[in-house]
Protein backbone atom coordinates (compact mmCIF):
# COMPACT_ATOMS: atom_id res chain seq x y z
CA UNK A 1 -39.98 71.84 48.60
CA UNK A 2 -37.57 69.45 46.93
CA UNK A 3 -38.16 65.76 47.42
CA UNK A 4 -35.15 63.84 48.63
CA UNK A 5 -34.02 60.42 47.35
CA UNK A 6 -31.39 58.61 45.26
CA UNK A 7 -33.06 59.06 41.88
CA UNK A 8 -30.03 60.63 40.20
CA UNK A 9 -29.11 58.95 36.88
CA UNK A 10 -25.50 57.77 36.66
CA UNK A 11 -23.56 56.82 33.42
CA UNK A 12 -20.30 54.97 32.69
CA UNK A 13 -17.12 56.72 33.46
CA UNK A 14 -14.32 56.96 30.89
CA UNK A 15 -12.21 54.45 32.80
CA UNK A 16 -15.04 51.91 32.82
CA UNK A 17 -15.50 52.30 29.04
CA UNK A 18 -11.80 51.77 28.44
CA UNK A 19 -11.79 48.65 30.62
CA UNK A 20 -14.84 47.25 28.79
CA UNK A 21 -13.24 47.93 25.40
CA UNK A 22 -10.02 46.25 26.49
CA UNK A 23 -11.89 43.15 27.67
CA UNK A 24 -13.86 43.05 24.41
CA UNK A 25 -10.65 43.33 22.37
CA UNK A 26 -9.06 40.45 24.31
CA UNK A 27 -12.10 38.24 23.74
CA UNK A 28 -12.25 39.05 20.02
CA UNK A 29 -8.52 38.45 19.51
CA UNK A 30 -8.74 35.12 21.33
CA UNK A 31 -11.70 33.95 19.26
CA UNK A 32 -10.08 35.14 16.03
CA UNK A 33 -6.80 33.40 16.89
CA UNK A 34 -8.59 30.11 17.50
CA UNK A 35 -10.63 30.58 14.33
CA UNK A 36 -7.52 31.31 12.26
CA UNK A 37 -5.57 28.40 13.76
CA UNK A 38 -8.43 26.02 12.97
CA UNK A 39 -8.60 27.07 9.34
CA UNK A 40 -4.81 26.95 9.05
CA UNK A 41 -4.88 23.32 10.18
CA UNK A 42 -7.74 22.53 7.79
CA UNK A 43 -5.98 24.25 4.87
CA UNK A 44 -2.71 22.45 5.66
CA UNK A 45 -4.46 19.09 5.79
CA UNK A 46 -6.20 19.75 2.48
CA UNK A 47 -2.89 20.80 0.89
CA UNK A 48 -1.15 17.65 2.10
CA UNK A 49 -3.98 15.47 0.86
CA UNK A 50 -3.92 17.17 -2.55
CA UNK A 51 -0.15 16.83 -2.76
CA UNK A 52 -0.34 13.17 -1.82
CA UNK A 53 -3.00 12.59 -4.47
CA UNK A 54 -0.97 14.34 -7.17
CA UNK A 55 2.15 12.37 -6.31
CA UNK A 56 0.38 9.03 -6.24
CA UNK A 57 -1.38 9.69 -9.55
CA UNK A 58 1.91 10.56 -11.24
CA UNK A 59 3.70 7.52 -9.80
CA UNK A 60 0.89 5.16 -10.76
CA UNK A 61 0.95 6.50 -14.33
CA UNK A 62 4.73 6.10 -14.60
CA UNK A 63 4.56 2.58 -13.16
CA UNK A 64 1.76 1.47 -15.48
CA UNK A 65 3.59 2.87 -18.51
CA UNK A 66 6.88 1.14 -17.67
CA UNK A 67 5.17 -2.20 -17.03
CA UNK A 68 3.73 -2.05 -20.56
CA UNK A 69 7.19 -1.58 -22.09
CA UNK A 70 7.97 -3.70 -25.17
CA UNK A 71 10.80 -6.04 -24.19
CA UNK A 72 11.03 -7.90 -27.48
CA UNK A 73 11.87 -6.83 -31.04
CA UNK A 74 10.95 -3.24 -31.73
CA UNK A 75 11.37 -2.20 -28.13
CA UNK A 76 13.53 0.65 -26.96
CA UNK A 77 14.35 2.58 -23.79
CA UNK A 78 16.43 5.74 -23.54
CA UNK A 79 17.06 7.70 -20.37
CA UNK A 80 18.91 11.01 -20.32
CA UNK A 81 20.25 12.74 -17.23
CA UNK A 82 19.52 16.47 -17.47
CA UNK A 83 20.60 19.26 -15.13
CA UNK A 84 18.62 22.49 -15.18
CA UNK A 85 20.02 25.26 -12.95
CA UNK A 86 21.47 22.66 -10.64
CA UNK A 87 18.25 20.63 -10.56
CA UNK A 88 17.68 17.17 -12.00
CA UNK A 89 15.09 17.27 -14.78
CA UNK A 90 15.66 13.93 -16.52
CA UNK A 91 14.04 12.60 -19.68
CA UNK A 92 12.81 9.09 -20.36
CA UNK A 93 11.53 7.64 -23.65
CA UNK A 94 10.48 4.06 -24.42
CA UNK A 95 8.19 1.97 -26.61
CA UNK A 96 5.01 0.82 -24.91
CA UNK A 97 2.64 -1.94 -25.95
CA UNK A 98 -0.36 0.01 -24.67
CA UNK A 99 -1.31 3.29 -26.30
CA UNK A 100 -3.51 5.35 -23.99
CA UNK A 101 -6.40 6.93 -25.91
CA UNK A 102 -7.28 10.21 -24.21
CA UNK A 103 -10.22 11.20 -26.43
CA UNK A 104 -12.88 9.68 -28.68
CA UNK A 105 -11.07 10.98 -31.74
CA UNK A 106 -7.96 9.08 -30.66
CA UNK A 107 -9.24 5.59 -31.42
CA UNK A 108 -5.94 4.08 -32.54
CA UNK A 109 -4.53 1.30 -30.42
CA UNK A 110 -1.28 -0.61 -30.33
CA UNK A 111 2.28 0.39 -29.65
CA UNK A 112 3.23 3.91 -28.74
CA UNK A 113 6.26 6.00 -27.92
CA UNK A 114 5.96 7.19 -24.32
CA UNK A 115 8.08 10.14 -23.27
CA UNK A 116 8.58 11.86 -19.92
CA UNK A 117 10.27 15.26 -19.72
CA UNK A 118 10.55 18.01 -17.12
CA UNK A 119 10.47 21.64 -18.21
CA UNK A 120 10.70 24.80 -16.04
CA UNK A 121 7.46 26.69 -15.58
CA UNK A 122 7.60 30.19 -17.10
CA UNK A 123 6.05 31.84 -14.04
CA UNK A 124 7.33 30.14 -10.91
CA UNK A 125 10.47 28.47 -12.22
CA UNK A 126 9.47 25.09 -10.80
CA UNK A 127 9.31 22.02 -13.01
CA UNK A 128 6.33 20.66 -14.89
CA UNK A 129 6.38 16.95 -15.69
CA UNK A 130 5.08 16.23 -19.21
CA UNK A 131 3.92 12.90 -20.57
CA UNK A 132 3.96 12.34 -24.34
CA UNK A 133 1.98 9.42 -25.79
CA UNK A 134 2.46 9.13 -29.55
CA UNK A 135 1.01 6.14 -31.38
CA UNK A 136 3.60 4.14 -33.33
CA UNK A 137 2.08 3.14 -36.64
CA UNK A 138 3.52 0.26 -38.71
CA UNK A 139 6.52 1.42 -40.72
CA UNK A 140 6.88 4.64 -38.74
CA UNK A 141 10.42 5.51 -37.78
CA UNK A 142 10.97 6.34 -34.12
CA UNK A 143 12.30 9.87 -33.80
CA UNK A 144 15.39 10.03 -31.67
CA UNK A 145 15.19 13.80 -31.45
CA UNK A 146 12.96 15.50 -28.92
CA UNK A 147 9.43 16.15 -30.04
CA UNK A 148 8.36 19.76 -30.51
CA UNK A 149 5.30 19.02 -28.36
CA UNK A 150 6.23 17.95 -24.81
CA UNK A 151 2.82 16.35 -24.27
CA UNK A 152 0.29 16.69 -21.48
CA UNK A 153 1.19 17.95 -18.00
CA UNK A 154 1.22 15.06 -15.53
CA UNK A 155 2.47 16.94 -12.46
CA UNK A 156 3.30 20.54 -11.54
CA UNK A 157 5.29 22.32 -8.87
CA UNK A 158 8.27 19.97 -8.88
CA UNK A 159 11.79 20.62 -7.61
CA UNK A 160 13.28 17.47 -9.11
CA UNK A 161 12.48 14.75 -11.64
CA UNK A 162 15.02 11.94 -11.85
CA UNK A 163 15.27 8.39 -13.18
CA UNK A 164 17.93 5.74 -12.61
CA UNK A 165 18.44 2.26 -14.04
CA UNK A 166 19.73 -1.04 -12.67
CA UNK A 167 21.28 -3.57 -15.06
CA UNK A 168 21.33 -7.37 -14.81
CA UNK A 169 24.54 -7.24 -12.76
CA UNK A 170 23.02 -4.93 -10.17
CA UNK A 171 24.86 -1.80 -11.29
CA UNK A 172 22.89 1.45 -11.11
CA UNK A 173 23.33 4.21 -13.65
CA UNK A 174 21.68 7.56 -14.32
CA UNK A 175 21.49 7.15 -18.11
CA UNK A 176 20.49 4.36 -20.47
CA UNK A 177 20.42 3.66 -24.20
CA UNK A 178 19.04 0.23 -25.10
CA UNK A 179 20.38 0.23 -28.67
CA UNK A 180 23.85 1.41 -27.73
CA UNK A 181 24.19 -1.21 -24.98
CA UNK A 182 23.23 -4.06 -27.29
CA UNK A 183 25.50 -2.91 -30.14
CA UNK A 184 28.49 -2.55 -27.80
CA UNK A 185 28.54 -6.35 -27.36
CA UNK A 186 28.32 -7.05 -31.10
CA UNK A 187 28.82 -3.95 -33.32
CA UNK A 188 28.43 -5.98 -36.52
CA UNK A 189 24.68 -6.48 -36.25
CA UNK A 190 21.52 -4.68 -35.29
CA UNK A 191 20.01 -6.16 -32.13
CA UNK A 192 16.69 -7.96 -32.47
CA UNK A 193 15.92 -7.40 -28.80
CA UNK A 194 16.72 -4.22 -26.88
CA UNK A 195 19.16 -4.09 -24.00
CA UNK A 196 16.89 -3.18 -21.09
CA UNK A 197 17.53 -2.51 -17.43
CA UNK A 198 16.13 -4.90 -14.85
CA UNK A 199 14.76 -2.11 -12.69
CA UNK A 200 13.86 1.55 -13.17
CA UNK A 201 13.72 4.00 -10.25
CA UNK A 202 11.64 7.17 -10.55
CA UNK A 203 11.83 10.07 -8.11
CA UNK A 204 9.64 13.17 -7.95
CA UNK A 205 10.27 15.96 -5.44
CA UNK A 206 7.40 18.41 -4.99
CA UNK A 207 8.19 21.93 -3.79
CA UNK A 208 5.58 22.07 -1.04
CA UNK A 209 6.53 20.85 2.41
CA UNK A 210 4.21 18.46 4.20
CA UNK A 211 4.08 16.20 7.19
CA UNK A 212 4.26 12.44 6.86
CA UNK A 213 1.94 11.24 4.09
CA UNK A 214 1.58 7.93 2.29
CA UNK A 215 4.59 7.12 0.07
CA UNK A 216 6.17 10.52 0.84
CA UNK A 217 8.93 11.85 3.05
CA UNK A 218 10.41 15.20 3.96
CA UNK A 219 13.41 16.06 1.76
CA UNK A 220 15.08 19.48 1.87
CA UNK A 221 11.85 21.40 2.11
CA UNK A 222 10.07 19.24 -0.43
CA UNK A 223 8.05 16.05 -0.47
CA UNK A 224 9.63 13.10 -2.23
CA UNK A 225 7.75 10.31 -4.01
CA UNK A 226 9.63 7.23 -5.22
CA UNK A 227 8.76 4.14 -7.20
CA UNK A 228 10.75 1.11 -8.36
CA UNK A 229 9.44 -0.72 -11.43
CA UNK A 230 10.67 -4.14 -12.54
CA UNK A 231 10.62 -4.31 -16.33
CA UNK A 232 9.43 -7.32 -18.37
CA UNK A 233 12.36 -9.51 -19.27
CA UNK A 234 11.07 -11.99 -21.84
CA UNK A 235 10.52 -11.09 -25.46
CA UNK A 236 6.90 -10.19 -25.97
CA UNK A 237 6.17 -9.48 -22.30
CA UNK A 238 3.84 -6.56 -21.87
CA UNK A 239 2.35 -7.04 -25.33
């Protein structure tokens, strides 16, 4: 005699399994999307902070160097406008009263030739900003030709490096030669003091885009940093 009752075991049907898998997939995709969005925001914030730091460090270094420029006898400033594949990659060279010693072996102090140049990176094609600091020993002739060594990299990933100069009459120009300007007024003598601009503008455009950050603004897909430096005017200033 067979006992009656509802003791039959029942499993999931195929439709129920498909529904459960669909719900699980929706939950996983939602959690993953939120997770990915969170890390995208974090990564973007870190990138903007790093970009802001790099730009500020470069601008502070350029500003400090220009403020130490020798305005009296022996001083010099030369700015050259350079175009590289349609991109500004200017050069700037001047005599500074403060040589920056970067190692213990480099113990010499005094005047130095400071040079800024922008060269294309071999891999990405963007610009690297180089800073050359060469001590100027007594009796050493200043080389007007470009040095074979560009110096140390100050900033990378740049779309533009440009300098401009404002004279005492308020005129702005993209090139400057302190010796040539002084000799044009009196060709018969060598100038004792260099012909210097009143103000130097520096502009760096980094390739990465970013939202509003300190001292930066959106500019054609890049982030632009600017600085205006008033140069010492009296002979001996900055020494």
